[in-house]
Amino acid sequence: MDLEKEIAYWRCHNKPVIFIAKTLNISCDEVRRIINSWKEETRDFIFSLKEHDLGFFNPDITGLLKSSDLSVEYARKILSNKFVINYIVLNRERKHYRHMDCIRYHVKILLQGK
């Protein structure tokens, strides 16, 4: 498994940077650098999304993220889910948010897979 995919796996399992760095035997700065690159690469896509007509419903998508196999197919699946889209729209401004980092990885591989 490549380093980005391993970091994404742990972010999808809601793990902090320090845990990931210790587990993968790399520096916290390296983990942060990779996560920040996802933020830059996915910014336009994430901010282009529009909220579905579900009001301010902020769904629990933890199960969807934890069960991810980090594939392009799974990225397509979660990014076509209206609850996930609303979750992204409602949380895209939050800093240091583990679930959004997981979603950003899925967006990144989907954009690369096209």
C-alpha atoms as a PDB file:
ATOM      1  CA  MET A   1       0.000   0.000   0.000  1.00  0.00           C
ATOM      2  CA  ASP A   2       1.363   3.418  -0.862  1.00  0.00           C
ATOM      3  CA  LEU A   3       1.909   6.056   1.817  1.00  0.00           C
ATOM      4  CA  GLU A   4      -1.019   8.300   0.808  1.00  0.00           C
ATOM      5  CA  LYS A   5      -3.400   5.355   0.859  1.00  0.00           C
ATOM      6  CA  GLU A   6      -2.181   4.304   4.304  1.00  0.00           C
ATOM      7  CA  ILE A   7      -2.675   7.826   5.637  1.00  0.00           C
ATOM      8  CA  ALA A   8      -6.160   7.918   4.099  1.00  0.00           C
ATOM      9  CA  TYR A   9      -7.002   4.566   5.692  1.00  0.00           C
ATOM     10  CA  TRP A  10      -6.200   5.902   9.148  1.00  0.00           C
ATOM     11  CA  ARG A  11      -7.963   9.234   8.555  1.00  0.00           C
ATOM     12  CA  CYS A  12     -11.063   7.307   7.457  1.00  0.00           C
ATOM     13  CA  HIS A  13     -10.805   5.509  10.796  1.00  0.00           C
ATOM     14  CA  ASN A  14     -10.736   8.887  12.570  1.00  0.00           C
ATOM     15  CA  LYS A  15      -7.114   8.686  13.741  1.00  0.00           C
ATOM     16  CA  PRO A  16      -5.038  11.784  14.606  1.00  0.00           C
ATOM     17  CA  VAL A  17      -1.859  12.808  12.813  1.00  0.00           C
ATOM     18  CA  ILE A  18       0.385  11.757  15.691  1.00  0.00           C
ATOM     19  CA  PHE A  19      -1.091   8.225  15.707  1.00  0.00           C
ATOM     20  CA  ILE A  20      -0.607   7.931  11.940  1.00  0.00           C
ATOM     21  CA  ALA A  21       2.970   9.206  12.125  1.00  0.00           C
ATOM     22  CA  LYS A  22       3.890   6.737  14.864  1.00  0.00           C
ATOM     23  CA  THR A  23       2.134   3.839  13.134  1.00  0.00           C
ATOM     24  CA  LEU A  24       3.782   4.518   9.763  1.00  0.00           C
ATOM     25  CA  ASN A  25       7.108   5.552  11.311  1.00  0.00           C
ATOM     26  CA  ILE A  26       7.170   8.943   9.587  1.00  0.00           C
ATOM     27  CA  SER A  27       7.125  12.505  10.898  1.00  0.00           C
ATOM     28  CA  CYS A  28       3.956  14.378  11.776  1.00  0.00           C
ATOM     29  CA  ASP A  29       5.071  17.065   9.346  1.00  0.00           C
ATOM     30  CA  GLU A  30       5.112  14.522   6.502  1.00  0.00           C
ATOM     31  CA  VAL A  31       1.566  13.410   7.350  1.00  0.00           C
ATOM     32  CA  ARG A  32       0.400  17.037   7.470  1.00  0.00           C
ATOM     33  CA  ARG A  33       2.155  17.819   4.170  1.00  0.00           C
ATOM     34  CA  ILE A  34       0.295  14.997   2.415  1.00  0.00           C
ATOM     35  CA  ILE A  35      -3.064  15.941   3.939  1.00  0.00           C
ATOM     36  CA  ASN A  36      -2.519  19.593   2.974  1.00  0.00           C
ATOM     37  CA  SER A  37      -1.742  18.529  -0.600  1.00  0.00           C
ATOM     38  CA  TRP A  38      -5.140  16.783  -0.718  1.00  0.00           C
ATOM     39  CA  LYS A  39      -6.791  20.003   0.447  1.00  0.00           C
ATOM     40  CA  GLU A  40      -5.142  21.966  -2.349  1.00  0.00           C
ATOM     41  CA  GLU A  41      -5.845  19.363  -5.038  1.00  0.00           C
ATOM     42  CA  THR A  42      -9.528  18.997  -4.138  1.00  0.00           C
ATOM     43  CA  ARG A  43     -10.453  22.567  -3.171  1.00  0.00           C
ATOM     44  CA  ASP A  44     -12.137  23.509  -6.478  1.00  0.00           C
ATOM     45  CA  PHE A  45     -14.162  20.301  -6.637  1.00  0.00           C
ATOM     46  CA  ILE A  46     -15.319  20.500  -3.020  1.00  0.00           C
ATOM     47  CA  PHE A  47     -16.337  24.152  -3.261  1.00  0.00           C
ATOM     48  CA  SER A  48     -18.217  23.512  -6.514  1.00  0.00           C
ATOM     49  CA  LEU A  49     -20.637  21.119  -4.778  1.00  0.00           C
ATOM     50  CA  LYS A  50     -24.157  22.328  -4.040  1.00  0.00           C
ATOM     51  CA  GLU A  51     -26.287  21.277  -1.109  1.00  0.00           C
ATOM     52  CA  HIS A  52     -29.211  18.945  -1.773  1.00  0.00           C
ATOM     53  CA  ASP A  53     -32.586  19.996  -0.426  1.00  0.00           C
ATOM     54  CA  LEU A  54     -32.163  18.337   2.956  1.00  0.00           C
ATOM     55  CA  GLY A  55     -31.938  21.480   5.043  1.00  0.00           C
ATOM     56  CA  PHE A  56     -29.137  21.518   7.556  1.00  0.00           C
ATOM     57  CA  PHE A  57     -29.140  17.804   8.102  1.00  0.00           C
ATOM     58  CA  ASN A  58     -25.582  16.737   8.955  1.00  0.00           C
ATOM     59  CA  PRO A  59     -25.634  12.954   8.516  1.00  0.00           C
ATOM     60  CA  ASP A  60     -23.404  10.435  10.256  1.00  0.00           C
ATOM     61  CA  ILE A  61     -21.281   8.998   7.450  1.00  0.00           C
ATOM     62  CA  THR A  62     -18.722   7.332   9.718  1.00  0.00           C
ATOM     63  CA  GLY A  63     -19.759   3.834   8.644  1.00  0.00           C
ATOM     64  CA  LEU A  64     -19.404   4.685   4.956  1.00  0.00           C
ATOM     65  CA  LEU A  65     -15.912   6.053   5.510  1.00  0.00           C
ATOM     66  CA  LYS A  66     -14.688   3.221   7.736  1.00  0.00           C
ATOM     67  CA  SER A  67     -15.846   0.579   5.266  1.00  0.00           C
ATOM     68  CA  SER A  68     -14.022   2.211   2.346  1.00  0.00           C
ATOM     69  CA  ASP A  69     -11.539   0.122   0.387  1.00  0.00           C
ATOM     70  CA  LEU A  70     -10.006   3.418  -0.862  1.00  0.00           C
ATOM     71  CA  SER A  71     -10.732   2.571  -4.495  1.00  0.00           C
ATOM     72  CA  VAL A  72     -11.953   4.754  -7.345  1.00  0.00           C
ATOM     73  CA  GLU A  73     -15.160   2.699  -7.454  1.00  0.00           C
ATOM     74  CA  TYR A  74     -15.847   3.367  -3.783  1.00  0.00           C
ATOM     75  CA  ALA A  75     -15.029   7.048  -4.302  1.00  0.00           C
ATOM     76  CA  ARG A  76     -17.700   7.152  -7.023  1.00  0.00           C
ATOM     77  CA  LYS A  77     -20.149   5.441  -4.679  1.00  0.00           C
ATOM     78  CA  ILE A  78     -19.754   7.813  -1.754  1.00  0.00           C
ATOM     79  CA  LEU A  79     -19.515  10.946  -3.888  1.00  0.00           C
ATOM     80  CA  SER A  80     -22.811  10.127  -5.578  1.00  0.00           C
ATOM     81  CA  ASN A  81     -24.562   9.844  -2.196  1.00  0.00           C
ATOM     82  CA  LYS A  82     -26.653  12.956  -1.466  1.00  0.00           C
ATOM     83  CA  PHE A  83     -26.035  12.632   2.281  1.00  0.00           C
ATOM     84  CA  VAL A  84     -22.263  12.620   1.718  1.00  0.00           C
ATOM     85  CA  ILE A  85     -22.565  15.670  -0.540  1.00  0.00           C
ATOM     86  CA  ASN A  86     -24.520  17.527   2.153  1.00  0.00           C
ATOM     87  CA  TYR A  87     -21.936  16.468   4.711  1.00  0.00           C
ATOM     88  CA  ILE A  88     -19.176  17.905   2.514  1.00  0.00           C
ATOM     89  CA  VAL A  89     -21.056  21.174   1.942  1.00  0.00           C
ATOM     90  CA  LEU A  90     -21.709  21.605   5.661  1.00  0.00           C
ATOM     91  CA  ASN A  91     -18.165  20.713   6.769  1.00  0.00           C
ATOM     92  CA  ARG A  92     -15.866  21.853   3.964  1.00  0.00           C
ATOM     93  CA  GLU A  93     -14.683  24.938   5.866  1.00  0.00           C
ATOM     94  CA  ARG A  94     -13.605  23.009   8.971  1.00  0.00           C
ATOM     95  CA  LYS A  95      -9.865  22.784   9.578  1.00  0.00           C
ATOM     96  CA  HIS A  96      -8.120  19.629  10.817  1.00  0.00           C
ATOM     97  CA  TYR A  97     -11.201  17.489  10.301  1.00  0.00           C
ATOM     98  CA  ARG A  98     -10.387  13.808   9.907  1.00  0.00           C
ATOM     99  CA  HIS A  99     -13.514  12.727   8.043  1.00  0.00           C
ATOM    100  CA  MET A 100     -13.115  15.548   5.546  1.00  0.00           C
ATOM    101  CA  ASP A 101      -9.521  14.444   4.987  1.00  0.00           C
ATOM    102  CA  CYS A 102     -10.832  10.974   4.190  1.00  0.00           C
ATOM    103  CA  ILE A 103     -13.350  12.433   1.758  1.00  0.00           C
ATOM    104  CA  ARG A 104     -10.664  14.597   0.169  1.00  0.00           C
ATOM    105  CA  TYR A 105      -8.587  11.492  -0.521  1.00  0.00           C
ATOM    106  CA  HIS A 106     -11.601   9.929  -2.273  1.00  0.00           C
ATOM    107  CA  VAL A 107     -12.107  13.096  -4.336  1.00  0.00           C
ATOM    108  CA  LYS A 108      -8.407  13.119  -5.225  1.00  0.00           C
ATOM    109  CA  ILE A 109      -8.367   9.533  -6.513  1.00  0.00           C
ATOM    110  CA  LEU A 110     -11.621  10.099  -8.373  1.00  0.00           C
ATOM    111  CA  LEU A 111     -10.177  13.170 -10.102  1.00  0.00           C
ATOM    112  CA  GLN A 112      -7.006  11.238 -10.952  1.00  0.00           C
ATOM    113  CA  GLY A 113      -9.036   8.273 -12.189  1.00  0.00           C
ATOM    114  CA  LYS A 114     -10.901  10.308 -14.819  1.00  0.00           C
END
